Amino acid sequence: MVFYLLASVSLQAQKVTVTSQTEKVKDESVEGYTTELEGKKDEVNDAWIKYLKDIGKVRQSVDPVTLTEPTFNGLIFYKGIIYSVVKGNGEKISVWWGIKPSEWEKSNVNRINNELEKGVYRFGVKYYRDKIQVQIDEAQQALDAVDKQKLRFSNQQKDMTIQLSNNEQEKIQLDKSLETNKLENELLKTKLINNKKAQDSLAEATSQIKKIKLLHQERQRKVN
């Protein structure tokens, strides 16, 4: 079996952009940062939740999803809540997170907003790279399968080459045996003919000798 891989791959790099955006959180407008990604909502959301869990404590049972005790640059922020919203239909999904400044220490607000802007960008980059890695892994699996097939066919080629060589040597021996058999056959036929002639000659000689014997016996009786 030979594998034929037909694939259409776009070489255009995915571009991650981040914009500031306001979302409604419990009827209150909250400033935050968002990025728009290509993909299915479920897969983007699952990747985002996993990303958030590496940062802090995630509560998915509330709307919107919240993140507390986030860790940025090795520093845990015990006070304040980060709100997160994933929305969109079709192939365009937006990921947003933001804070209410009143819930944070005033000295940390700018710092957290800066981390949110960088963080959603890093997620977008990671999301696309992870998706491409899956495609790389699939391509590698296909390549491994083809290499395995190539090795199998190569080994078969070697085995069949050896078998053919053995077969040809056997044919040479059989041809020699056949030629020898043919010569033996002709020799035996000649010997049979000669043997028959010899037997016929001996039979003739026997007949002649018997006649001579009878003549001698007849002469012997006439002696008186």
Protein backbone atom coordinates (compact mmCIF):
# COMPACT_ATOMS: atom_id res chain seq x y z
CA MET A 1 0.00 0.00 0.00
CA VAL A 2 1.31 3.45 -0.89
CA PHE A 3 0.17 6.60 0.89
CA TYR A 4 -0.72 9.68 -1.10
CA LEU A 5 -1.02 12.82 1.04
CA LEU A 6 -2.85 15.71 -0.51
CA ALA A 7 -2.98 18.74 1.76
CA SER A 8 -3.67 22.41 1.36
CA VAL A 9 -1.57 24.31 3.86
CA SER A 10 -1.62 28.04 4.25
CA LEU A 11 1.83 29.52 4.80
CA GLN A 12 0.40 32.82 5.99
CA ALA A 13 1.31 33.39 9.64
CA GLN A 14 -1.49 33.89 12.15
CA LYS A 15 -1.48 37.43 13.54
CA VAL A 16 -2.50 37.96 17.15
CA THR A 17 -3.81 41.43 17.95
CA VAL A 18 -5.02 42.75 21.30
CA THR A 19 -7.46 45.61 21.77
CA SER A 20 -8.98 47.23 24.81
CA GLN A 21 -12.69 46.54 25.12
CA THR A 22 -15.50 47.02 27.59
CA GLU A 23 -17.71 44.12 28.64
CA LYS A 24 -20.79 44.03 30.82
CA VAL A 25 -20.13 42.27 34.12
CA LYS A 26 -23.23 42.07 36.30
CA ASP A 27 -24.66 45.16 34.58
CA GLU A 28 -21.44 47.06 35.13
CA SER A 29 -19.11 48.12 32.33
CA VAL A 30 -15.65 46.70 32.85
CA GLU A 31 -12.56 47.68 30.90
CA GLY A 32 -10.36 44.87 29.72
CA TYR A 33 -8.42 43.38 26.82
CA THR A 34 -9.55 41.05 24.10
CA THR A 35 -8.17 39.12 21.16
CA GLU A 36 -10.07 37.50 18.33
CA LEU A 37 -9.10 33.98 17.33
CA GLU A 38 -10.02 31.59 14.55
CA GLY A 39 -11.54 28.32 15.68
CA LYS A 40 -14.50 26.68 17.34
CA LYS A 41 -15.83 28.25 20.50
CA ASP A 42 -15.53 25.06 22.55
CA GLU A 43 -11.90 24.47 21.63
CA VAL A 44 -10.95 28.10 22.26
CA ASN A 45 -12.79 28.11 25.59
CA ASP A 46 -11.18 24.84 26.71
CA ALA A 47 -7.72 26.16 25.84
CA TRP A 48 -8.46 29.46 27.62
CA ILE A 49 -9.68 27.79 30.84
CA LYS A 50 -6.59 25.60 30.88
CA TYR A 51 -4.46 28.73 30.42
CA LEU A 52 -6.24 30.51 33.29
CA LYS A 53 -5.76 27.54 35.63
CA ASP A 54 -2.00 27.93 35.20
CA ILE A 55 -2.35 31.50 36.44
CA GLY A 56 -4.73 31.27 39.41
CA LYS A 57 -7.95 29.88 40.86
CA VAL A 58 -10.72 29.58 38.28
CA ARG A 59 -14.45 29.51 38.98
CA GLN A 60 -16.42 28.30 36.00
CA SER A 61 -19.73 27.97 37.85
CA VAL A 62 -20.29 31.74 37.75
CA ASP A 63 -21.09 34.05 34.84
CA PRO A 64 -18.72 35.39 33.77
CA VAL A 65 -15.88 33.06 34.70
CA THR A 66 -13.66 34.50 37.43
CA LEU A 67 -9.99 34.18 38.27
CA THR A 68 -8.63 34.91 41.75
CA GLU A 69 -5.18 34.87 43.33
CA PRO A 70 -3.44 35.23 39.97
CA THR A 71 0.33 34.85 39.74
CA PHE A 72 2.22 37.22 37.47
CA ASN A 73 6.02 37.17 37.29
CA GLY A 74 6.17 34.97 40.39
CA LEU A 75 4.02 37.36 42.48
CA ILE A 76 0.62 36.25 43.79
CA PHE A 77 -2.11 38.91 44.02
CA TYR A 78 -4.44 37.82 46.80
CA LYS A 79 -6.86 40.72 46.45
CA GLY A 80 -9.03 41.35 43.39
CA ILE A 81 -10.97 39.40 40.76
CA ILE A 82 -10.27 38.97 37.05
CA TYR A 83 -13.37 38.45 34.93
CA SER A 84 -13.31 36.46 31.72
CA VAL A 85 -15.67 36.12 28.76
CA VAL A 86 -15.38 33.93 25.68
CA LYS A 87 -17.93 34.58 22.97
CA GLY A 88 -18.49 34.39 19.28
CA ASN A 89 -20.06 32.28 16.56
CA GLY A 90 -18.70 30.45 13.57
CA GLU A 91 -14.94 30.68 13.13
CA LYS A 92 -14.29 33.99 14.93
CA ILE A 93 -14.09 33.74 18.72
CA SER A 94 -13.16 36.58 21.05
CA VAL A 95 -11.41 36.04 24.37
CA TRP A 96 -11.70 38.85 26.90
CA TRP A 97 -10.62 39.48 30.47
CA GLY A 98 -10.66 42.54 32.64
CA ILE A 99 -10.92 43.92 36.18
CA LYS A 100 -12.96 46.31 38.24
CA PRO A 101 -10.34 48.76 39.61
CA SER A 102 -12.38 49.20 42.79
CA GLU A 103 -11.75 45.55 43.70
CA TRP A 104 -7.98 45.96 43.55
CA GLU A 105 -5.40 47.89 45.47
CA LYS A 106 -4.95 51.15 43.62
CA SER A 107 -1.19 50.66 43.32
CA ASN A 108 -1.72 47.36 41.46
CA VAL A 109 -4.37 48.42 38.91
CA ASN A 110 -2.00 49.60 36.18
CA ARG A 111 0.30 46.68 36.73
CA ILE A 112 -2.55 44.15 36.48
CA ASN A 113 -3.95 45.79 33.35
CA ASN A 114 -0.52 45.60 31.78
CA GLU A 115 -0.34 41.89 32.66
CA LEU A 116 -3.81 41.34 31.22
CA GLU A 117 -2.85 42.94 27.92
CA LYS A 118 0.32 40.87 27.66
CA GLY A 119 -1.39 37.74 28.97
CA VAL A 120 -4.20 37.61 26.42
CA TYR A 121 -1.63 38.18 23.68
CA ARG A 122 0.52 35.31 24.97
CA PHE A 123 -2.57 33.11 25.05
CA GLY A 124 -3.38 33.92 21.44
CA VAL A 125 0.15 33.05 20.36
CA LYS A 126 0.10 29.84 22.41
CA TYR A 127 -3.32 28.87 21.04
CA TYR A 128 -2.19 29.12 17.41
CA ARG A 129 1.16 27.48 18.08
CA ASP A 130 -0.53 24.58 19.87
CA LYS A 131 -2.95 24.09 16.97
CA ILE A 132 -0.08 24.14 14.48
CA GLN A 133 1.85 21.69 16.69
CA VAL A 134 -1.05 19.25 16.40
CA GLN A 135 -0.79 19.54 12.62
CA ILE A 136 2.99 19.07 12.83
CA ASP A 137 2.49 15.95 14.95
CA GLU A 138 -0.07 14.60 12.47
CA ALA A 139 2.33 15.26 9.58
CA GLN A 140 5.13 13.53 11.52
CA GLN A 141 2.88 10.53 12.16
CA ALA A 142 2.10 10.36 8.45
CA LEU A 143 5.81 10.68 7.66
CA ASP A 144 6.64 7.91 10.15
CA ALA A 145 3.97 5.70 8.56
CA VAL A 146 5.42 6.33 5.09
CA ASP A 147 8.97 5.67 6.34
CA LYS A 148 7.76 2.43 7.90
CA GLN A 149 6.20 1.39 4.62
CA LYS A 150 9.37 2.36 2.73
CA LEU A 151 11.44 0.22 5.10
CA ARG A 152 9.03 -2.69 4.70
CA PHE A 153 9.18 -2.47 0.91
CA SER A 154 12.98 -2.11 1.05
CA ASN A 155 13.28 -5.24 3.17
CA GLN A 156 10.90 -7.06 0.83
CA GLN A 157 13.07 -5.94 -2.09
CA LYS A 158 16.17 -7.40 -0.43
CA ASP A 159 14.41 -10.65 0.41
CA MET A 160 13.00 -11.05 -3.10
CA THR A 161 16.42 -10.25 -4.62
CA ILE A 162 17.98 -13.03 -2.54
CA GLN A 163 15.13 -15.38 -3.44
CA LEU A 164 15.53 -14.56 -7.15
CA SER A 165 19.27 -15.19 -6.96
CA ASN A 166 18.66 -18.54 -5.26
CA ASN A 167 16.00 -19.36 -7.82
CA GLU A 168 18.33 -18.57 -10.71
CA GLN A 169 21.08 -20.72 -9.18
CA GLU A 170 18.61 -23.52 -8.72
CA LYS A 171 17.51 -23.12 -12.35
CA ILE A 172 21.12 -23.37 -13.50
CA GLN A 173 21.53 -26.58 -11.52
CA LEU A 174 18.24 -27.92 -12.85
CA ASP A 175 19.26 -27.02 -16.42
CA LYS A 176 22.53 -28.88 -15.90
CA SER A 177 20.70 -31.83 -14.41
CA LEU A 178 18.25 -31.78 -17.30
CA GLU A 179 21.11 -31.75 -19.85
CA THR A 180 22.83 -34.59 -18.01
CA ASN A 181 19.54 -36.46 -17.91
CA LYS A 182 19.10 -35.95 -21.65
CA LEU A 183 22.59 -37.32 -22.38
CA GLU A 184 21.98 -40.27 -20.07
CA ASN A 185 18.67 -40.91 -21.81
CA GLU A 186 20.29 -40.96 -25.25
CA LEU A 187 23.15 -43.16 -23.99
CA LEU A 188 20.75 -45.64 -22.43
CA LYS A 189 18.72 -45.81 -25.65
CA THR A 190 21.92 -46.51 -27.60
CA LYS A 191 22.95 -49.17 -25.09
CA LEU A 192 19.51 -50.76 -25.33
CA ILE A 193 19.78 -50.92 -29.13
CA ASN A 194 23.27 -52.38 -28.94
CA ASN A 195 22.18 -54.83 -26.28
CA LYS A 196 19.28 -55.97 -28.46
CA LYS A 197 21.62 -56.42 -31.40
CA ALA A 198 24.01 -58.42 -29.24
CA GLN A 199 21.16 -60.61 -28.02
CA ASP A 200 19.98 -61.16 -31.59
CA SER A 201 23.53 -62.05 -32.63
CA LEU A 202 23.88 -64.48 -29.75
CA ALA A 203 20.54 -66.04 -30.58
CA GLU A 204 21.74 -66.57 -34.16
CA ALA A 205 25.00 -68.01 -32.92
CA THR A 206 23.13 -70.32 -30.56
CA SER A 207 21.00 -71.58 -33.42
CA GLN A 208 24.04 -72.23 -35.58
CA ILE A 209 25.91 -73.99 -32.78
CA LYS A 210 22.91 -76.20 -32.07
CA LYS A 211 22.79 -77.21 -35.74
CA ILE A 212 26.49 -78.05 -35.69
CA LYS A 213 26.01 -80.03 -32.50
CA LEU A 214 23.20 -82.02 -34.07
CA LEU A 215 25.37 -82.73 -37.10
CA HIS A 216 28.16 -83.98 -34.86
CA GLN A 217 25.74 -86.17 -32.93
CA GLU A 218 24.41 -87.59 -36.18
CA ARG A 219 27.92 -88.38 -37.40
CA GLN A 220 28.65 -90.01 -34.07
CA ARG A 221 25.76 -92.44 -34.43
CA LYS A 222 26.87 -93.49 -37.85
CA VAL A 223 30.21 -94.65 -36.59
CA ASN A 224 30.29 -98.57 -36.58
